């Protein structure tokens, strides 16, 4: 009598276990999470995802504005001039604030102490263990890059070496029109504008993490294609002119 009851219970158990599996690809995360990362932990990748998708407008605006000003400054002035002006601007702010707080304390006869004491007491020393961890992590990428360079330049695979040659040949034409700073400005404008435009105008039912088992390539709304086309044309004209 015990066997039939076990048999009747097994289908429900198997169905519940099988029903729990499809929920994994969706991630089950919040709308602000990284859908493309799935069940992986966010970490730095999710932080970059949130940054370029403008999850925190103030944070993204600060990063975008600061880096854009830096690149525009480097396009107009030398690196030495830009670094010098940045240091002078930072020193002007800190010295002015330090003198202002000293005058206020003298007038009010208060003993608040140094205005930056909380930051001066912060321990910023880098331990040897942390330093070795960073070095080891960097060495992995350096060794991988060296192996790739040797493989390409010593023609281990003829097709890959020819691909590199063709790519470098095409880059000569790109270099004749743009310089490195201009390409960095263009890349930043695209990174901080295209993803948010895509997210706004995409069709949610056709995204890779929401499509059905047979799968259909995610398509864009018609107005999004026109918007991206005009967006890229405006950016290219601004950089060329």
Protein backbone atom coordinates (compact mmCIF):
# COMPACT_ATOMS: atom_id res chain seq x y z
CA UNK A 1 0.00 0.00 0.00
CA UNK A 2 2.95 2.31 0.49
CA UNK A 3 4.13 1.96 -3.12
CA UNK A 4 1.07 3.52 -4.84
CA UNK A 5 1.23 6.55 -2.55
CA UNK A 6 4.89 7.02 -3.37
CA UNK A 7 4.09 6.66 -7.06
CA UNK A 8 1.36 9.28 -6.87
CA UNK A 9 3.65 11.69 -5.07
CA UNK A 10 6.61 11.32 -7.43
CA UNK A 11 4.99 13.11 -10.43
CA UNK A 12 4.27 16.18 -8.32
CA UNK A 13 7.81 16.18 -7.00
CA UNK A 14 9.34 15.84 -10.48
CA UNK A 15 6.99 18.47 -11.90
CA UNK A 16 7.82 20.91 -9.13
CA UNK A 17 11.54 20.34 -9.61
CA UNK A 18 11.23 20.74 -13.37
CA UNK A 19 9.07 23.82 -12.91
CA UNK A 20 11.70 25.42 -10.73
CA UNK A 21 14.42 25.16 -13.37
CA UNK A 22 13.03 27.62 -15.99
CA UNK A 23 13.08 30.41 -13.42
CA UNK A 24 16.90 30.39 -13.39
CA UNK A 25 17.52 31.98 -16.81
CA UNK A 26 15.37 34.98 -15.96
CA UNK A 27 17.55 35.74 -13.00
CA UNK A 28 14.53 36.65 -10.89
CA UNK A 29 16.26 39.94 -10.17
CA UNK A 30 14.91 43.39 -9.78
CA UNK A 31 14.38 45.66 -12.82
CA UNK A 32 17.60 47.47 -12.00
CA UNK A 33 19.68 44.28 -12.03
CA UNK A 34 21.74 43.04 -14.93
CA UNK A 35 19.51 40.68 -16.95
CA UNK A 36 22.37 39.66 -19.21
CA UNK A 37 24.44 38.40 -16.30
CA UNK A 38 21.82 35.87 -15.24
CA UNK A 39 22.63 34.08 -12.01
CA UNK A 40 26.19 35.45 -11.86
CA UNK A 41 27.09 37.87 -9.17
CA UNK A 42 27.05 41.50 -10.22
CA UNK A 43 30.29 42.90 -8.86
CA UNK A 44 32.13 45.33 -11.09
CA UNK A 45 30.29 44.17 -14.23
CA UNK A 46 26.92 45.08 -12.75
CA UNK A 47 28.33 48.41 -11.54
CA UNK A 48 29.44 49.25 -15.08
CA UNK A 49 26.06 48.10 -16.41
CA UNK A 50 24.22 50.39 -14.00
CA UNK A 51 26.57 53.24 -14.89
CA UNK A 52 26.08 53.18 -18.65
CA UNK A 53 22.32 52.58 -18.32
CA UNK A 54 21.97 55.68 -16.10
CA UNK A 55 20.50 53.83 -13.11
CA UNK A 56 21.85 56.58 -10.84
CA UNK A 57 21.57 59.81 -12.83
CA UNK A 58 23.79 61.86 -10.52
CA UNK A 59 26.59 59.28 -10.45
CA UNK A 60 26.50 58.63 -14.18
CA UNK A 61 26.25 62.34 -14.95
CA UNK A 62 29.29 63.06 -12.79
CA UNK A 63 31.36 60.30 -14.41
CA UNK A 64 30.23 61.19 -17.93
CA UNK A 65 30.76 64.93 -17.47
CA UNK A 66 34.14 64.55 -15.79
CA UNK A 67 35.56 62.16 -18.37
CA UNK A 68 34.16 64.19 -21.28
CA UNK A 69 35.70 67.40 -19.94
CA UNK A 70 39.00 65.58 -19.46
CA UNK A 71 38.99 64.27 -23.03
CA UNK A 72 38.01 67.65 -24.49
CA UNK A 73 40.75 69.28 -22.46
CA UNK A 74 43.30 66.76 -23.71
CA UNK A 75 42.13 67.45 -27.27
CA UNK A 76 42.78 71.18 -26.85
CA UNK A 77 45.80 71.22 -24.51
CA UNK A 78 48.80 69.05 -23.73
CA UNK A 79 48.73 66.38 -21.04
CA UNK A 80 51.09 68.40 -18.83
CA UNK A 81 48.84 71.46 -19.02
CA UNK A 82 45.69 69.48 -18.24
CA UNK A 83 47.26 67.74 -15.23
CA UNK A 84 48.69 71.03 -13.96
CA UNK A 85 45.37 72.84 -14.24
CA UNK A 86 43.56 69.98 -12.48
CA UNK A 87 46.02 70.01 -9.58
CA UNK A 88 45.81 73.81 -9.34
CA UNK A 89 42.01 73.66 -9.30
CA UNK A 90 41.99 71.01 -6.58
CA UNK A 91 44.53 72.91 -4.47
CA UNK A 92 42.54 76.13 -4.89
CA UNK A 93 39.42 74.47 -3.53
CA UNK A 94 41.12 72.76 -0.59
CA UNK A 95 43.27 75.76 0.41
CA UNK A 96 40.31 78.14 0.17
CA UNK A 97 38.17 75.85 2.30
CA UNK A 98 41.00 75.41 4.82
CA UNK A 99 41.51 79.20 5.15
CA UNK A 100 37.74 79.79 5.35
CA UNK A 101 37.29 77.29 8.17
CA UNK A 102 40.30 78.75 10.02
CA UNK A 103 38.83 82.26 9.83
CA UNK A 104 35.43 81.02 11.01
CA UNK A 105 37.01 79.20 13.94
CA UNK A 106 39.02 82.32 14.88
CA UNK A 107 35.95 84.55 14.77
CA UNK A 108 33.73 82.13 16.67
CA UNK A 109 36.61 81.09 18.97
CA UNK A 110 35.79 77.45 18.46
CA UNK A 111 38.13 74.49 18.48
CA UNK A 112 36.78 72.26 15.75
CA UNK A 113 40.27 71.39 14.57
CA UNK A 114 41.38 70.65 11.04
CA UNK A 115 38.45 70.56 8.57
CA UNK A 116 39.92 67.56 6.76
CA UNK A 117 40.86 65.65 9.91
CA UNK A 118 38.37 62.87 9.19
CA UNK A 119 39.99 62.27 5.80
CA UNK A 120 43.54 62.62 7.13
CA UNK A 121 42.90 59.85 9.66
CA UNK A 122 41.73 57.41 6.99
CA UNK A 123 44.15 54.51 6.54
CA UNK A 124 45.03 54.38 2.85
CA UNK A 125 48.10 52.18 3.14
CA UNK A 126 48.21 49.24 0.75
CA UNK A 127 49.04 45.96 2.42
CA UNK A 128 51.56 43.63 0.85
CA UNK A 129 48.92 40.93 0.47
CA UNK A 130 46.58 43.25 -1.43
CA UNK A 131 49.48 44.46 -3.57
CA UNK A 132 50.45 40.90 -4.48
CA UNK A 133 46.84 40.08 -5.31
CA UNK A 134 46.63 43.02 -7.71
CA UNK A 135 49.99 42.12 -9.26
CA UNK A 136 48.96 38.48 -9.71
CA UNK A 137 45.67 39.50 -11.31
CA UNK A 138 47.52 41.87 -13.65
CA UNK A 139 50.12 39.25 -14.53
CA UNK A 140 47.42 36.88 -15.75
CA UNK A 141 46.22 39.45 -18.30
CA UNK A 142 49.78 40.46 -19.24
CA UNK A 143 50.83 36.87 -19.89
CA UNK A 144 47.70 36.25 -21.93
CA UNK A 145 48.38 39.38 -24.00
CA UNK A 146 52.01 38.39 -24.57
CA UNK A 147 51.00 34.92 -25.76
CA UNK A 148 48.46 36.46 -28.14
CA UNK A 149 51.01 38.94 -29.52
CA UNK A 150 53.60 36.20 -30.10
CA UNK A 151 50.99 33.96 -31.73
CA UNK A 152 49.87 36.72 -34.11
CA UNK A 153 53.25 38.16 -35.08
CA UNK A 154 54.97 34.80 -35.47
CA UNK A 155 52.05 33.60 -37.62
CA UNK A 156 51.00 30.55 -35.66
CA UNK A 157 47.63 30.82 -37.40
CA UNK A 158 47.82 32.43 -40.84
CA UNK A 159 44.17 33.43 -40.86
CA UNK A 160 44.37 35.27 -37.55
CA UNK A 161 47.54 37.09 -38.62
CA UNK A 162 45.89 38.13 -41.90
CA UNK A 163 42.87 39.39 -39.96
CA UNK A 164 45.17 41.54 -37.83
CA UNK A 165 46.92 42.87 -40.95
CA UNK A 166 43.60 43.80 -42.59
CA UNK A 167 42.36 45.42 -39.40
CA UNK A 168 45.54 47.50 -39.06
CA UNK A 169 45.27 48.50 -42.72
CA UNK A 170 41.73 49.74 -42.14
CA UNK A 171 42.85 51.58 -39.01
CA UNK A 172 45.28 53.61 -41.15
CA UNK A 173 42.26 55.15 -42.88
CA UNK A 174 40.58 55.76 -39.55
CA UNK A 175 43.75 57.42 -38.26
CA UNK A 176 43.81 59.71 -41.28
CA UNK A 177 40.41 61.13 -40.26
CA UNK A 178 40.44 60.88 -36.47
CA UNK A 179 43.11 61.04 -33.81
CA UNK A 180 43.14 58.96 -30.64
CA UNK A 181 41.42 61.56 -28.44
CA UNK A 182 38.65 62.04 -31.00
CA UNK A 183 38.01 58.30 -31.09
CA UNK A 184 37.89 58.20 -27.28
CA UNK A 185 35.35 61.05 -27.25
CA UNK A 186 33.26 59.28 -29.87
CA UNK A 187 33.45 56.02 -27.92
CA UNK A 188 32.35 57.70 -24.69
CA UNK A 189 29.42 59.44 -26.35
CA UNK A 190 28.28 56.13 -27.83
CA UNK A 191 28.76 54.18 -24.61
CA UNK A 192 26.72 56.60 -22.53
CA UNK A 193 23.98 57.22 -25.11
CA UNK A 194 23.31 54.12 -27.25
CA UNK A 195 22.52 51.66 -24.39
CA UNK A 196 19.95 53.93 -22.77
CA UNK A 197 18.33 54.67 -26.15
CA UNK A 198 18.24 50.94 -26.93
CA UNK A 199 16.69 50.15 -23.56
CA UNK A 200 14.04 52.83 -24.03
CA UNK A 201 12.91 51.86 -27.54
CA UNK A 202 13.50 48.10 -27.63
CA UNK A 203 10.68 45.59 -27.79
CA UNK A 204 10.67 43.89 -24.34
CA UNK A 205 9.01 40.72 -25.68
CA UNK A 206 11.87 40.08 -28.11
CA UNK A 207 14.83 40.38 -25.75
CA UNK A 208 17.10 37.29 -25.47
CA UNK A 209 16.15 36.59 -21.85
CA UNK A 210 12.40 36.76 -22.57
CA UNK A 211 12.17 34.96 -25.92
CA UNK A 212 10.67 31.50 -26.24
CA UNK A 213 12.55 28.21 -26.61
CA UNK A 214 12.70 28.30 -30.41
CA UNK A 215 14.16 31.77 -30.09
CA UNK A 216 13.77 34.86 -32.22
CA UNK A 217 16.39 37.53 -32.71
CA UNK A 218 15.51 40.65 -30.73
CA UNK A 219 14.39 43.39 -33.10
CA UNK A 220 14.17 47.11 -32.56
CA UNK A 221 11.21 49.33 -32.98
CA UNK A 222 11.32 51.28 -36.29
CA UNK A 223 11.55 54.64 -34.55
CA UNK A 224 14.60 53.44 -32.61
CA UNK A 225 16.54 52.69 -35.79
CA UNK A 226 15.89 56.18 -37.12
CA UNK A 227 16.80 57.74 -33.77
CA UNK A 228 20.09 55.84 -33.55
CA UNK A 229 20.92 56.72 -37.14
CA UNK A 230 20.37 60.44 -36.57
CA UNK A 231 22.21 60.19 -33.26
CA UNK A 232 25.31 58.68 -34.86
CA UNK A 233 25.25 61.16 -37.75
CA UNK A 234 25.14 64.13 -35.37
CA UNK A 235 28.03 62.78 -33.30
CA UNK A 236 30.15 62.09 -36.38
CA UNK A 237 29.50 65.57 -37.79
CA UNK A 238 30.38 67.23 -34.49
CA UNK A 239 33.66 65.32 -34.25
CA UNK A 240 34.63 65.84 -37.90
CA UNK A 241 33.83 69.56 -37.88
